[in-house]
Amino acid sequence: MEDLKLYFLNAFAMIISFTEVDMFLKLLLLIVSIGYTINKWWNLRNKNGGKPS
């Protein structure tokens, strides 16, 4: 019975751990997406006659 309790405790800790990783990956994806979009807009603006830096 003690082993079963230990297995459930470890599974619970793993689920919490994956949830935190999932939130980090979502935040990372959001930041990368925003950066890509800004870069794409910047390149289109410069290509279409905008003021290059």
N, C-alpha and C. Protein backbone atom coordinates (compact mmCIF):
# COMPACT_ATOMS: atom_id res chain seq x y z
N MET A 1 0.82 -1.19 0.00
CA MET A 1 0.00 0.00 0.00
C MET A 1 0.87 1.26 0.00
N GLU A 2 2.00 1.22 0.69
CA GLU A 2 2.90 2.36 0.73
C GLU A 2 3.47 2.67 -0.65
N ASP A 3 3.76 1.61 -1.41
CA ASP A 3 4.28 1.81 -2.77
C ASP A 3 3.24 2.50 -3.65
N LEU A 4 2.00 2.13 -3.50
CA LEU A 4 0.93 2.73 -4.28
C LEU A 4 0.81 4.22 -3.96
N LYS A 5 0.90 4.58 -2.70
CA LYS A 5 0.85 6.00 -2.31
C LYS A 5 2.02 6.77 -2.92
N LEU A 6 3.18 6.14 -2.91
CA LEU A 6 4.37 6.77 -3.48
C LEU A 6 4.22 6.97 -4.99
N TYR A 7 3.66 5.99 -5.68
CA TYR A 7 3.44 6.11 -7.12
C TYR A 7 2.48 7.26 -7.44
N PHE A 8 1.38 7.36 -6.67
CA PHE A 8 0.43 8.44 -6.89
C PHE A 8 1.05 9.80 -6.61
N LEU A 9 1.86 9.88 -5.59
CA LEU A 9 2.54 11.14 -5.27
C LEU A 9 3.51 11.54 -6.38
N ASN A 10 4.25 10.60 -6.89
CA ASN A 10 5.17 10.88 -8.00
C ASN A 10 4.42 11.27 -9.27
N ALA A 11 3.31 10.62 -9.55
CA ALA A 11 2.52 10.96 -10.74
C ALA A 11 1.96 12.38 -10.60
N PHE A 12 1.51 12.73 -9.41
CA PHE A 12 0.98 14.08 -9.17
C PHE A 12 2.08 15.12 -9.36
N ALA A 13 3.26 14.84 -8.85
CA ALA A 13 4.38 15.77 -9.01
C ALA A 13 4.76 15.92 -10.49
N MET A 14 4.71 14.84 -11.25
CA MET A 14 5.04 14.90 -12.67
C MET A 14 4.00 15.72 -13.43
N ILE A 15 2.73 15.56 -13.09
CA ILE A 15 1.67 16.34 -13.75
C ILE A 15 1.86 17.82 -13.49
N ILE A 16 2.16 18.18 -12.25
CA ILE A 16 2.40 19.59 -11.91
C ILE A 16 3.61 20.11 -12.67
N SER A 17 4.64 19.31 -12.77
CA SER A 17 5.85 19.69 -13.46
C SER A 17 5.58 19.94 -14.95
N PHE A 18 4.82 19.06 -15.59
CA PHE A 18 4.48 19.23 -17.00
C PHE A 18 3.61 20.46 -17.22
N THR A 19 2.74 20.77 -16.27
CA THR A 19 1.89 21.95 -16.39
C THR A 19 2.74 23.20 -16.39
N GLU A 20 3.75 23.27 -15.55
CA GLU A 20 4.62 24.43 -15.51
C GLU A 20 5.43 24.54 -16.81
N VAL A 21 5.87 23.42 -17.34
CA VAL A 21 6.61 23.43 -18.60
C VAL A 21 5.69 23.89 -19.72
N ASP A 22 4.44 23.44 -19.68
CA ASP A 22 3.48 23.84 -20.71
C ASP A 22 3.26 25.35 -20.70
N MET A 23 3.15 25.95 -19.54
CA MET A 23 2.97 27.41 -19.46
C MET A 23 4.20 28.14 -19.99
N PHE A 24 5.38 27.64 -19.68
CA PHE A 24 6.61 28.25 -20.17
C PHE A 24 6.67 28.18 -21.69
N LEU A 25 6.31 27.02 -22.25
CA LEU A 25 6.36 26.87 -23.71
C LEU A 25 5.33 27.76 -24.40
N LYS A 26 4.16 27.93 -23.79
CA LYS A 26 3.16 28.82 -24.36
C LYS A 26 3.67 30.26 -24.38
N LEU A 27 4.29 30.67 -23.30
CA LEU A 27 4.83 32.03 -23.23
C LEU A 27 5.96 32.21 -24.24
N LEU A 28 6.83 31.23 -24.36
CA LEU A 28 7.92 31.29 -25.33
C LEU A 28 7.38 31.38 -26.76
N LEU A 29 6.37 30.58 -27.07
CA LEU A 29 5.77 30.62 -28.40
C LEU A 29 5.15 31.98 -28.68
N LEU A 30 4.50 32.58 -27.71
CA LEU A 30 3.91 33.90 -27.89
C LEU A 30 4.98 34.94 -28.20
N ILE A 31 6.06 34.92 -27.45
CA ILE A 31 7.14 35.89 -27.66
C ILE A 31 7.78 35.71 -29.04
N VAL A 32 8.03 34.47 -29.43
CA VAL A 32 8.63 34.20 -30.74
C VAL A 32 7.68 34.63 -31.86
N SER A 33 6.39 34.39 -31.70
CA SER A 33 5.41 34.78 -32.72
C SER A 33 5.36 36.29 -32.88
N ILE A 34 5.37 37.01 -31.78
CA ILE A 34 5.36 38.47 -31.84
C ILE A 34 6.63 38.98 -32.50
N GLY A 35 7.77 38.43 -32.14
CA GLY A 35 9.03 38.83 -32.76
C GLY A 35 9.06 38.56 -34.24
N TYR A 36 8.56 37.41 -34.66
CA TYR A 36 8.52 37.07 -36.09
C TYR A 36 7.62 38.04 -36.85
N THR A 37 6.46 38.36 -36.27
CA THR A 37 5.52 39.27 -36.94
C THR A 37 6.12 40.65 -37.08
N ILE A 38 6.75 41.16 -36.05
CA ILE A 38 7.38 42.48 -36.12
C ILE A 38 8.50 42.48 -37.17
N ASN A 39 9.29 41.43 -37.20
CA ASN A 39 10.37 41.31 -38.19
C ASN A 39 9.80 41.28 -39.61
N LYS A 40 8.73 40.52 -39.81
CA LYS A 40 8.11 40.42 -41.12
C LYS A 40 7.56 41.79 -41.57
N TRP A 41 6.89 42.52 -40.66
CA TRP A 41 6.38 43.85 -40.98
C TRP A 41 7.51 44.80 -41.32
N TRP A 42 8.59 44.71 -40.56
CA TRP A 42 9.75 45.59 -40.79
C TRP A 42 10.35 45.33 -42.17
N ASN A 43 10.51 44.06 -42.53
CA ASN A 43 11.06 43.71 -43.83
C ASN A 43 10.14 44.14 -44.97
N LEU A 44 8.84 43.97 -44.81
CA LEU A 44 7.90 44.39 -45.85
C LEU A 44 7.91 45.91 -46.01
N ARG A 45 8.00 46.62 -44.91
CA ARG A 45 8.03 48.09 -44.96
C ARG A 45 9.28 48.57 -45.69
N ASN A 46 10.41 47.99 -45.38
CA ASN A 46 11.66 48.39 -46.02
C ASN A 46 11.69 47.97 -47.49
N LYS A 47 11.09 46.86 -47.83
CA LYS A 47 11.08 46.38 -49.21
C LYS A 47 10.16 47.24 -50.08
N ASN A 48 9.10 47.76 -49.50
CA ASN A 48 8.09 48.51 -50.27
C ASN A 48 8.33 50.02 -50.24
N GLY A 49 9.54 50.46 -50.07
CA GLY A 49 9.85 51.87 -50.17
C GLY A 49 9.84 52.62 -48.86
N GLY A 50 9.84 51.92 -47.74
CA GLY A 50 9.95 52.59 -46.46
C GLY A 50 11.34 53.11 -46.24
N LYS A 51 11.51 53.85 -45.17
CA LYS A 51 12.85 54.39 -44.86
C LYS A 51 13.72 53.27 -44.25
N PRO A 52 14.74 52.85 -44.94
CA PRO A 52 15.63 51.84 -44.34
C PRO A 52 16.49 52.45 -43.24
N SER A 53 16.85 51.63 -42.29
CA SER A 53 17.67 52.11 -41.16
C SER A 53 19.11 52.23 -41.59
